[in-house]
N, C-alpha and C. Protein backbone atom coordinates (compact mmCIF):
# COMPACT_ATOMS: atom_id res chain seq x y z
N MET A 1 6.08 15.41 64.45
CA MET A 1 6.66 15.32 63.13
C MET A 1 6.36 13.94 62.56
N CYS A 2 5.93 13.93 61.35
CA CYS A 2 5.55 12.68 60.67
C CYS A 2 6.76 12.03 60.03
N ALA A 3 6.84 10.71 60.13
CA ALA A 3 7.92 9.95 59.49
C ALA A 3 7.51 9.50 58.10
N CYS A 4 6.57 10.22 57.51
CA CYS A 4 6.07 9.87 56.17
C CYS A 4 7.11 10.25 55.12
N PRO A 5 7.14 9.51 54.02
CA PRO A 5 8.09 9.87 52.95
C PRO A 5 7.68 11.18 52.29
N SER A 6 8.66 11.91 51.81
CA SER A 6 8.39 13.18 51.15
C SER A 6 7.84 12.93 49.74
N ARG A 7 7.28 14.00 49.16
CA ARG A 7 6.79 13.89 47.79
C ARG A 7 7.90 13.49 46.84
N THR A 8 9.08 14.01 47.05
CA THR A 8 10.21 13.68 46.18
C THR A 8 10.54 12.20 46.27
N GLU A 9 10.52 11.65 47.48
CA GLU A 9 10.80 10.22 47.65
C GLU A 9 9.71 9.36 47.00
N ILE A 10 8.46 9.78 47.14
CA ILE A 10 7.35 9.04 46.53
C ILE A 10 7.47 9.08 45.01
N MET A 11 7.72 10.27 44.46
CA MET A 11 7.85 10.39 43.00
C MET A 11 9.05 9.58 42.50
N GLY A 12 10.14 9.61 43.25
CA GLY A 12 11.31 8.82 42.87
C GLY A 12 11.00 7.34 42.85
N ALA A 13 10.24 6.87 43.85
CA ALA A 13 9.87 5.45 43.90
C ALA A 13 8.95 5.08 42.74
N ILE A 14 8.02 5.97 42.40
CA ILE A 14 7.11 5.71 41.28
C ILE A 14 7.89 5.66 39.96
N ILE A 15 8.75 6.63 39.76
CA ILE A 15 9.55 6.66 38.52
C ILE A 15 10.42 5.42 38.42
N HIS A 16 11.02 5.02 39.52
CA HIS A 16 11.85 3.81 39.52
C HIS A 16 11.01 2.57 39.20
N ALA A 17 9.85 2.46 39.83
CA ALA A 17 8.99 1.29 39.59
C ALA A 17 8.53 1.23 38.14
N VAL A 18 8.16 2.36 37.59
CA VAL A 18 7.70 2.38 36.19
C VAL A 18 8.85 2.07 35.25
N SER A 19 10.02 2.62 35.51
CA SER A 19 11.14 2.39 34.59
C SER A 19 11.65 0.96 34.68
N VAL A 20 11.50 0.31 35.81
CA VAL A 20 11.96 -1.07 35.96
C VAL A 20 10.94 -2.05 35.38
N THR A 21 9.65 -1.80 35.59
CA THR A 21 8.63 -2.77 35.19
C THR A 21 8.03 -2.51 33.82
N ALA A 22 8.10 -1.30 33.32
CA ALA A 22 7.47 -1.01 32.03
C ALA A 22 8.27 -1.64 30.90
N PRO A 23 7.58 -2.31 29.97
CA PRO A 23 8.31 -2.89 28.85
C PRO A 23 8.87 -1.80 27.96
N ARG A 24 10.09 -2.01 27.52
CA ARG A 24 10.73 -1.05 26.64
C ARG A 24 10.12 -1.19 25.25
N ALA A 25 9.64 -0.10 24.71
CA ALA A 25 9.02 -0.15 23.39
C ALA A 25 10.08 -0.51 22.36
N ALA A 26 9.77 -1.48 21.54
CA ALA A 26 10.69 -1.90 20.50
C ALA A 26 10.66 -0.89 19.36
N ARG A 27 11.66 -0.97 18.52
CA ARG A 27 11.75 -0.07 17.38
C ARG A 27 10.66 -0.44 16.37
N PRO A 28 9.88 0.53 15.91
CA PRO A 28 8.83 0.21 14.94
C PRO A 28 9.42 -0.27 13.62
N ALA A 29 8.72 -1.20 12.99
CA ALA A 29 9.13 -1.70 11.68
C ALA A 29 8.68 -0.70 10.63
N GLY A 30 9.59 -0.33 9.75
CA GLY A 30 9.29 0.66 8.73
C GLY A 30 8.51 0.10 7.54
N PHE A 31 8.20 0.98 6.62
CA PHE A 31 7.38 0.64 5.47
C PHE A 31 7.99 -0.47 4.62
N TRP A 32 9.27 -0.37 4.28
CA TRP A 32 9.87 -1.31 3.33
C TRP A 32 10.03 -2.71 3.90
N ILE A 33 10.37 -2.84 5.17
CA ILE A 33 10.49 -4.17 5.77
C ILE A 33 9.11 -4.81 5.87
N ARG A 34 8.10 -4.00 6.14
CA ARG A 34 6.72 -4.51 6.16
C ARG A 34 6.28 -4.92 4.76
N ALA A 35 6.67 -4.14 3.75
CA ALA A 35 6.32 -4.48 2.37
C ALA A 35 6.98 -5.79 1.96
N LEU A 36 8.24 -6.00 2.35
CA LEU A 36 8.93 -7.25 2.05
C LEU A 36 8.22 -8.43 2.72
N ALA A 37 7.81 -8.26 3.96
CA ALA A 37 7.07 -9.32 4.66
C ALA A 37 5.76 -9.63 3.93
N ALA A 38 5.09 -8.60 3.42
CA ALA A 38 3.83 -8.80 2.68
C ALA A 38 4.08 -9.56 1.38
N VAL A 39 5.18 -9.26 0.71
CA VAL A 39 5.51 -9.99 -0.53
C VAL A 39 5.77 -11.46 -0.22
N ILE A 40 6.50 -11.74 0.85
CA ILE A 40 6.77 -13.13 1.24
C ILE A 40 5.46 -13.84 1.57
N ASP A 41 4.57 -13.16 2.28
CA ASP A 41 3.26 -13.75 2.59
C ASP A 41 2.44 -13.99 1.32
N ALA A 42 2.55 -13.10 0.34
CA ALA A 42 1.84 -13.30 -0.93
C ALA A 42 2.38 -14.54 -1.64
N VAL A 43 3.67 -14.79 -1.54
CA VAL A 43 4.26 -16.00 -2.13
C VAL A 43 3.73 -17.23 -1.41
N VAL A 44 3.62 -17.18 -0.09
CA VAL A 44 3.06 -18.31 0.68
C VAL A 44 1.63 -18.60 0.22
N VAL A 45 0.82 -17.56 0.10
CA VAL A 45 -0.57 -17.74 -0.34
C VAL A 45 -0.60 -18.30 -1.76
N ALA A 46 0.26 -17.79 -2.64
CA ALA A 46 0.30 -18.29 -4.02
C ALA A 46 0.72 -19.76 -4.06
N LEU A 47 1.67 -20.16 -3.23
CA LEU A 47 2.08 -21.56 -3.19
C LEU A 47 0.94 -22.46 -2.72
N VAL A 48 0.21 -22.03 -1.72
CA VAL A 48 -0.95 -22.80 -1.25
C VAL A 48 -2.00 -22.87 -2.36
N GLN A 49 -2.24 -21.75 -2.99
CA GLN A 49 -3.23 -21.70 -4.07
C GLN A 49 -2.80 -22.61 -5.23
N PHE A 50 -1.53 -22.57 -5.60
CA PHE A 50 -1.01 -23.43 -6.67
C PHE A 50 -1.14 -24.90 -6.30
N SER A 51 -0.81 -25.22 -5.05
CA SER A 51 -0.92 -26.61 -4.59
C SER A 51 -2.36 -27.10 -4.66
N MET A 52 -3.28 -26.27 -4.22
CA MET A 52 -4.70 -26.65 -4.30
C MET A 52 -5.15 -26.81 -5.75
N GLY A 53 -4.65 -25.96 -6.64
CA GLY A 53 -4.96 -26.08 -8.06
C GLY A 53 -4.42 -27.36 -8.66
N ALA A 54 -3.22 -27.75 -8.24
CA ALA A 54 -2.63 -28.99 -8.73
C ALA A 54 -3.45 -30.19 -8.28
N VAL A 55 -3.88 -30.17 -7.02
CA VAL A 55 -4.71 -31.27 -6.51
C VAL A 55 -6.05 -31.30 -7.25
N ALA A 56 -6.67 -30.14 -7.44
CA ALA A 56 -7.95 -30.08 -8.16
C ALA A 56 -7.78 -30.57 -9.59
N GLY A 57 -6.68 -30.20 -10.24
CA GLY A 57 -6.42 -30.66 -11.60
C GLY A 57 -6.24 -32.15 -11.67
N ALA A 58 -5.57 -32.72 -10.67
CA ALA A 58 -5.36 -34.17 -10.65
C ALA A 58 -6.67 -34.92 -10.40
N VAL A 59 -7.53 -34.34 -9.58
CA VAL A 59 -8.79 -35.01 -9.24
C VAL A 59 -9.84 -34.82 -10.34
N TRP A 60 -10.02 -33.58 -10.84
CA TRP A 60 -11.13 -33.28 -11.75
C TRP A 60 -10.70 -33.03 -13.20
N GLY A 61 -9.42 -33.08 -13.49
CA GLY A 61 -8.96 -32.86 -14.86
C GLY A 61 -8.25 -31.53 -15.00
N ARG A 62 -7.45 -31.42 -16.07
CA ARG A 62 -6.59 -30.25 -16.24
C ARG A 62 -7.35 -28.96 -16.53
N ASP A 63 -8.51 -29.03 -17.17
CA ASP A 63 -9.22 -27.80 -17.52
C ASP A 63 -10.27 -27.41 -16.48
N VAL A 64 -10.07 -27.86 -15.24
CA VAL A 64 -11.01 -27.56 -14.16
C VAL A 64 -11.09 -26.07 -13.87
N ASP A 65 -10.02 -25.33 -14.07
CA ASP A 65 -10.01 -23.92 -13.71
C ASP A 65 -10.60 -23.01 -14.79
N ALA A 66 -11.15 -23.57 -15.85
CA ALA A 66 -11.69 -22.75 -16.94
C ALA A 66 -13.05 -22.15 -16.62
N SER A 67 -13.82 -22.76 -15.75
CA SER A 67 -15.19 -22.28 -15.50
C SER A 67 -15.21 -21.10 -14.54
N ALA A 68 -16.22 -20.25 -14.70
CA ALA A 68 -16.37 -19.07 -13.84
C ALA A 68 -16.66 -19.47 -12.40
N SER A 69 -17.39 -20.56 -12.21
CA SER A 69 -17.71 -20.98 -10.84
C SER A 69 -16.45 -21.43 -10.11
N VAL A 70 -15.54 -22.09 -10.82
CA VAL A 70 -14.28 -22.50 -10.19
C VAL A 70 -13.45 -21.27 -9.86
N GLN A 71 -13.42 -20.29 -10.75
CA GLN A 71 -12.68 -19.06 -10.49
C GLN A 71 -13.24 -18.35 -9.25
N ALA A 72 -14.55 -18.35 -9.10
CA ALA A 72 -15.17 -17.75 -7.92
C ALA A 72 -14.79 -18.51 -6.66
N LEU A 73 -14.76 -19.84 -6.75
CA LEU A 73 -14.35 -20.65 -5.59
C LEU A 73 -12.89 -20.40 -5.23
N VAL A 74 -12.04 -20.24 -6.24
CA VAL A 74 -10.62 -19.94 -5.98
C VAL A 74 -10.51 -18.60 -5.26
N GLY A 75 -11.26 -17.61 -5.72
CA GLY A 75 -11.25 -16.30 -5.06
C GLY A 75 -11.73 -16.38 -3.62
N LEU A 76 -12.81 -17.13 -3.40
CA LEU A 76 -13.35 -17.31 -2.05
C LEU A 76 -12.34 -18.04 -1.17
N PHE A 77 -11.74 -19.11 -1.71
CA PHE A 77 -10.73 -19.85 -0.95
C PHE A 77 -9.57 -18.93 -0.56
N THR A 78 -9.10 -18.13 -1.51
CA THR A 78 -7.98 -17.24 -1.23
C THR A 78 -8.34 -16.24 -0.14
N LEU A 79 -9.53 -15.69 -0.21
CA LEU A 79 -9.99 -14.74 0.81
C LEU A 79 -10.05 -15.41 2.18
N LEU A 80 -10.66 -16.59 2.24
CA LEU A 80 -10.78 -17.30 3.53
C LEU A 80 -9.42 -17.76 4.05
N PHE A 81 -8.55 -18.23 3.15
CA PHE A 81 -7.23 -18.67 3.59
C PHE A 81 -6.44 -17.50 4.16
N THR A 82 -6.44 -16.35 3.48
CA THR A 82 -5.70 -15.21 4.01
C THR A 82 -6.28 -14.74 5.34
N LEU A 83 -7.60 -14.82 5.49
CA LEU A 83 -8.24 -14.44 6.76
C LEU A 83 -7.73 -15.34 7.88
N VAL A 84 -7.78 -16.65 7.68
CA VAL A 84 -7.35 -17.60 8.72
C VAL A 84 -5.85 -17.49 8.95
N TYR A 85 -5.08 -17.40 7.87
CA TYR A 85 -3.62 -17.30 7.94
C TYR A 85 -3.20 -16.10 8.78
N ALA A 86 -3.70 -14.92 8.44
CA ALA A 86 -3.30 -13.71 9.15
C ALA A 86 -3.86 -13.67 10.57
N THR A 87 -5.14 -13.98 10.72
CA THR A 87 -5.77 -13.89 12.04
C THR A 87 -5.15 -14.88 13.02
N ALA A 88 -5.02 -16.13 12.61
CA ALA A 88 -4.48 -17.16 13.50
C ALA A 88 -3.03 -16.88 13.85
N LEU A 89 -2.20 -16.60 12.84
CA LEU A 89 -0.78 -16.40 13.13
C LEU A 89 -0.52 -15.12 13.91
N HIS A 90 -1.25 -14.06 13.63
CA HIS A 90 -1.05 -12.82 14.40
C HIS A 90 -1.50 -12.98 15.84
N SER A 91 -2.57 -13.74 16.08
CA SER A 91 -3.03 -13.89 17.47
C SER A 91 -2.25 -14.95 18.23
N LEU A 92 -1.70 -15.95 17.55
CA LEU A 92 -0.95 -17.00 18.24
C LEU A 92 0.53 -16.66 18.43
N ALA A 93 1.14 -16.04 17.40
CA ALA A 93 2.58 -15.80 17.46
C ALA A 93 2.97 -14.35 17.18
N GLY A 94 2.03 -13.55 16.69
CA GLY A 94 2.36 -12.17 16.33
C GLY A 94 3.06 -12.06 14.99
N GLN A 95 3.21 -13.19 14.30
CA GLN A 95 3.97 -13.20 13.05
C GLN A 95 3.38 -14.15 12.03
N THR A 96 3.34 -13.69 10.79
CA THR A 96 3.10 -14.57 9.66
C THR A 96 4.46 -15.07 9.20
N VAL A 97 4.49 -15.92 8.20
CA VAL A 97 5.77 -16.42 7.69
C VAL A 97 6.64 -15.26 7.21
N GLY A 98 6.05 -14.31 6.50
CA GLY A 98 6.82 -13.15 6.03
C GLY A 98 7.41 -12.34 7.17
N LYS A 99 6.66 -12.18 8.23
CA LYS A 99 7.17 -11.43 9.38
C LYS A 99 8.25 -12.22 10.12
N MET A 100 8.12 -13.56 10.15
CA MET A 100 9.17 -14.38 10.77
C MET A 100 10.48 -14.21 10.01
N VAL A 101 10.42 -14.26 8.69
CA VAL A 101 11.62 -14.15 7.86
C VAL A 101 12.27 -12.78 8.02
N THR A 102 11.47 -11.73 8.10
CA THR A 102 12.02 -10.38 8.18
C THR A 102 12.30 -9.91 9.60
N GLY A 103 11.92 -10.69 10.60
CA GLY A 103 12.24 -10.34 11.98
C GLY A 103 11.37 -9.24 12.55
N ILE A 104 10.10 -9.23 12.18
CA ILE A 104 9.16 -8.25 12.73
C ILE A 104 7.95 -8.99 13.28
N ARG A 105 7.18 -8.31 14.12
CA ARG A 105 5.98 -8.93 14.67
C ARG A 105 4.91 -7.87 14.93
N VAL A 106 3.67 -8.36 15.00
CA VAL A 106 2.52 -7.50 15.28
C VAL A 106 2.15 -7.69 16.74
N VAL A 107 1.99 -6.59 17.45
CA VAL A 107 1.55 -6.62 18.84
C VAL A 107 0.51 -5.52 19.03
N GLY A 108 -0.19 -5.58 20.14
CA GLY A 108 -1.09 -4.49 20.49
C GLY A 108 -0.28 -3.28 20.93
N VAL A 109 -0.93 -2.16 21.08
CA VAL A 109 -0.21 -0.96 21.52
C VAL A 109 0.37 -1.14 22.91
N ASP A 110 -0.15 -2.14 23.65
CA ASP A 110 0.37 -2.44 24.98
C ASP A 110 1.58 -3.37 24.93
N GLY A 111 1.97 -3.82 23.74
CA GLY A 111 3.12 -4.70 23.59
C GLY A 111 2.79 -6.18 23.69
N GLU A 112 1.54 -6.51 23.98
CA GLU A 112 1.11 -7.91 24.09
C GLU A 112 0.60 -8.40 22.74
N LEU A 113 0.54 -9.74 22.58
CA LEU A 113 -0.02 -10.31 21.36
C LEU A 113 -1.47 -9.88 21.20
N LEU A 114 -1.90 -9.76 19.97
CA LEU A 114 -3.30 -9.43 19.70
C LEU A 114 -4.18 -10.62 20.04
N GLY A 115 -5.36 -10.36 20.54
CA GLY A 115 -6.35 -11.42 20.70
C GLY A 115 -6.94 -11.75 19.34
N PRO A 116 -7.67 -12.85 19.24
CA PRO A 116 -8.27 -13.23 17.95
C PRO A 116 -9.19 -12.16 17.37
N GLY A 117 -9.95 -11.49 18.21
CA GLY A 117 -10.85 -10.44 17.73
C GLY A 117 -10.09 -9.26 17.13
N ALA A 118 -9.05 -8.82 17.82
CA ALA A 118 -8.24 -7.70 17.31
C ALA A 118 -7.48 -8.12 16.05
N ALA A 119 -7.01 -9.36 16.01
CA ALA A 119 -6.31 -9.85 14.81
C ALA A 119 -7.26 -9.91 13.62
N PHE A 120 -8.51 -10.34 13.86
CA PHE A 120 -9.52 -10.36 12.80
C PHE A 120 -9.83 -8.94 12.34
N LEU A 121 -10.01 -8.02 13.29
CA LEU A 121 -10.28 -6.63 12.94
C LEU A 121 -9.13 -6.05 12.12
N ARG A 122 -7.90 -6.39 12.48
CA ARG A 122 -6.74 -5.91 11.73
C ARG A 122 -6.77 -6.42 10.30
N TRP A 123 -7.17 -7.70 10.11
CA TRP A 123 -7.25 -8.26 8.76
C TRP A 123 -8.31 -7.52 7.95
N VAL A 124 -9.49 -7.31 8.53
CA VAL A 124 -10.56 -6.59 7.83
C VAL A 124 -10.09 -5.17 7.50
N ALA A 125 -9.45 -4.52 8.45
CA ALA A 125 -8.97 -3.16 8.23
C ALA A 125 -7.86 -3.12 7.19
N THR A 126 -7.12 -4.21 7.03
CA THR A 126 -6.09 -4.29 5.99
C THR A 126 -6.73 -4.14 4.62
N LEU A 127 -7.91 -4.72 4.44
CA LEU A 127 -8.63 -4.55 3.17
C LEU A 127 -8.98 -3.08 2.96
N ALA A 128 -9.38 -2.41 4.03
CA ALA A 128 -9.72 -0.98 3.93
C ALA A 128 -8.47 -0.14 3.65
N SER A 129 -7.31 -0.60 4.08
CA SER A 129 -6.07 0.15 3.84
C SER A 129 -5.73 0.23 2.36
N ALA A 130 -6.28 -0.68 1.57
CA ALA A 130 -6.00 -0.69 0.13
C ALA A 130 -6.82 0.37 -0.62
N VAL A 131 -7.80 0.97 0.04
CA VAL A 131 -8.69 1.92 -0.63
C VAL A 131 -8.43 3.31 -0.07
N PRO A 132 -8.35 4.34 -0.78
CA PRO A 132 -8.02 4.39 -2.20
C PRO A 132 -6.51 4.42 -2.39
N PHE A 133 -6.05 3.86 -3.43
CA PHE A 133 -4.65 3.92 -3.88
C PHE A 133 -3.64 3.47 -2.82
N MET A 134 -4.01 2.50 -2.01
CA MET A 134 -3.12 1.93 -0.99
C MET A 134 -2.67 2.96 0.05
N MET A 135 -3.42 4.04 0.21
CA MET A 135 -3.01 5.10 1.13
C MET A 135 -2.94 4.63 2.58
N GLY A 136 -3.76 3.66 2.95
CA GLY A 136 -3.70 3.14 4.31
C GLY A 136 -2.36 2.50 4.62
N PHE A 137 -1.73 1.90 3.60
CA PHE A 137 -0.40 1.30 3.77
C PHE A 137 0.68 2.37 3.74
N VAL A 138 0.52 3.35 2.86
CA VAL A 138 1.50 4.42 2.72
C VAL A 138 1.65 5.19 4.03
N MET A 139 0.58 5.24 4.82
CA MET A 139 0.63 5.92 6.11
C MET A 139 1.79 5.41 6.97
N ALA A 140 2.09 4.11 6.87
CA ALA A 140 3.17 3.53 7.68
C ALA A 140 4.51 4.17 7.34
N GLY A 141 4.68 4.60 6.11
CA GLY A 141 5.92 5.26 5.72
C GLY A 141 5.96 6.73 6.08
N LEU A 142 4.81 7.31 6.34
CA LEU A 142 4.74 8.75 6.61
C LEU A 142 4.65 9.10 8.09
N ARG A 143 4.17 8.18 8.90
CA ARG A 143 3.98 8.46 10.33
C ARG A 143 5.26 8.15 11.10
N GLY A 144 5.51 8.90 12.13
CA GLY A 144 6.68 8.66 12.97
C GLY A 144 6.64 7.32 13.68
N ASP A 145 5.44 6.87 14.08
CA ASP A 145 5.32 5.59 14.77
C ASP A 145 5.17 4.41 13.81
N LYS A 146 5.18 4.69 12.50
CA LYS A 146 5.15 3.66 11.44
C LYS A 146 3.88 2.81 11.46
N ARG A 147 2.79 3.34 11.99
CA ARG A 147 1.53 2.59 12.03
C ARG A 147 0.69 2.91 10.81
N ALA A 148 0.19 1.87 10.16
CA ALA A 148 -0.68 2.02 9.00
C ALA A 148 -2.12 2.16 9.48
N LEU A 149 -3.02 2.41 8.54
CA LEU A 149 -4.43 2.59 8.88
C LEU A 149 -4.98 1.39 9.64
N HIS A 150 -4.67 0.18 9.18
CA HIS A 150 -5.20 -1.01 9.85
C HIS A 150 -4.63 -1.17 11.26
N ASP A 151 -3.41 -0.68 11.50
CA ASP A 151 -2.86 -0.70 12.85
C ASP A 151 -3.62 0.26 13.76
N LEU A 152 -3.95 1.43 13.24
CA LEU A 152 -4.69 2.41 14.03
C LEU A 152 -6.08 1.89 14.37
N ILE A 153 -6.74 1.27 13.39
CA ILE A 153 -8.10 0.75 13.61
C ILE A 153 -8.09 -0.39 14.63
N ALA A 154 -7.10 -1.29 14.53
CA ALA A 154 -7.08 -2.49 15.39
C ALA A 154 -6.32 -2.28 16.69
N GLY A 155 -5.71 -1.12 16.88
CA GLY A 155 -4.93 -0.90 18.10
C GLY A 155 -3.67 -1.74 18.12
N SER A 156 -3.01 -1.85 16.97
CA SER A 156 -1.80 -2.67 16.88
C SER A 156 -0.63 -1.84 16.39
N ARG A 157 0.54 -2.44 16.47
CA ARG A 157 1.74 -1.84 15.90
C ARG A 157 2.65 -2.98 15.44
N VAL A 158 3.53 -2.69 14.52
CA VAL A 158 4.48 -3.69 14.02
C VAL A 158 5.86 -3.24 14.48
N GLU A 159 6.58 -4.15 15.11
CA GLU A 159 7.88 -3.81 15.68
C GLU A 159 8.94 -4.79 15.21
N ARG A 160 10.17 -4.30 15.24
CA ARG A 160 11.31 -5.18 14.95
C ARG A 160 11.57 -6.03 16.19
N LEU A 161 11.93 -7.27 15.96
CA LEU A 161 12.25 -8.14 17.09
C LEU A 161 13.60 -7.75 17.67
N PRO A 162 13.78 -7.87 18.98
CA PRO A 162 15.08 -7.57 19.57
C PRO A 162 16.15 -8.47 18.96
N GLY A 163 17.32 -7.89 18.74
CA GLY A 163 18.41 -8.66 18.15
C GLY A 163 18.38 -8.67 16.64
N ARG A 164 17.35 -8.10 16.04
CA ARG A 164 17.25 -8.07 14.58
C ARG A 164 17.44 -6.65 14.05
N GLU A 165 18.03 -5.80 14.88
CA GLU A 165 18.27 -4.42 14.46
C GLU A 165 19.36 -4.42 13.39
N ARG A 166 19.31 -3.42 12.54
CA ARG A 166 20.35 -3.28 11.53
C ARG A 166 21.66 -2.90 12.19
N ALA A 167 22.74 -3.48 11.73
CA ALA A 167 24.06 -3.12 12.25
C ALA A 167 24.41 -1.72 11.77
N ALA A 168 25.10 -0.98 12.61
CA ALA A 168 25.54 0.35 12.22
C ALA A 168 26.61 0.21 11.14
N PRO A 169 26.56 1.06 10.12
CA PRO A 169 27.57 0.95 9.06
C PRO A 169 28.94 1.32 9.60
N ARG A 170 29.96 0.66 9.05
CA ARG A 170 31.33 0.97 9.44
C ARG A 170 31.73 2.32 8.89
N ALA A 171 32.54 3.03 9.63
CA ALA A 171 33.04 4.31 9.15
C ALA A 171 33.88 4.08 7.90
N ALA A 172 33.90 5.05 6.98
CA ALA A 172 34.60 4.89 5.71
C ALA A 172 36.10 4.66 5.90
N HIS A 173 36.69 5.24 6.93
CA HIS A 173 38.13 5.12 7.14
C HIS A 173 38.50 3.88 7.94
N GLU A 174 37.53 3.20 8.48
CA GLU A 174 37.79 2.04 9.33
C GLU A 174 38.12 0.82 8.47
N GLU A 175 39.22 0.17 8.78
CA GLU A 175 39.64 -1.04 8.07
C GLU A 175 38.95 -2.25 8.67
N PRO A 176 38.56 -3.22 7.85
CA PRO A 176 37.99 -4.45 8.41
C PRO A 176 39.07 -5.22 9.16
N PRO A 177 38.69 -6.00 10.17
CA PRO A 177 39.69 -6.75 10.92
C PRO A 177 40.37 -7.79 10.03
N ALA A 178 41.64 -8.02 10.31
CA ALA A 178 42.42 -9.01 9.55
C ALA A 178 41.90 -10.41 9.88
N PRO A 179 41.95 -11.32 8.90
CA PRO A 179 41.50 -12.69 9.18
C PRO A 179 42.28 -13.29 10.35
N GLY A 180 41.57 -13.90 11.27
CA GLY A 180 42.20 -14.53 12.43
C GLY A 180 42.51 -13.57 13.56
N ALA A 181 42.31 -12.27 13.35
CA ALA A 181 42.59 -11.29 14.40
C ALA A 181 41.49 -11.33 15.44
N ALA A 182 41.86 -11.07 16.68
CA ALA A 182 40.88 -11.01 17.76
C ALA A 182 40.06 -9.74 17.59
N VAL A 183 38.77 -9.89 17.71
CA VAL A 183 37.90 -8.72 17.53
C VAL A 183 37.46 -8.20 18.86
């Protein structure tokens, strides 16, 4: 008779090992929280762009932005800045400023931070998500896993950070605690 473990014991050990060591998938970030983060990031880009315009105006004069070549340079700068901003911050921290404020982050489907190549691919795919009619972004609101087109292309997902979950609403009949009362 063999003293080998039974199949049930082996399967139990495997299930236990996987459940103990596997990272718990965080709650996916929905469409509206992602949209808010994008608006905050657009404000950051606009502030940088405005600051650069103020410096250019101080150096070259107030009507520096009137020429077509300057407008083209502004467009190129904005494109390059957003590329570096999104790629660097997503690969280093998983978050842009907008995502930090809203408590969400970008990770790979494995839950790890994106590498620079995947973060760059995600940025390029974000441009593709805008065509046609922003449908690549709308996908995040329609899919159960809340992944947009650029997430699918880059192998990424956006998740809520632990501890930043929405509080459950209080029941209508529940009274708020009295001031100074122990909760």
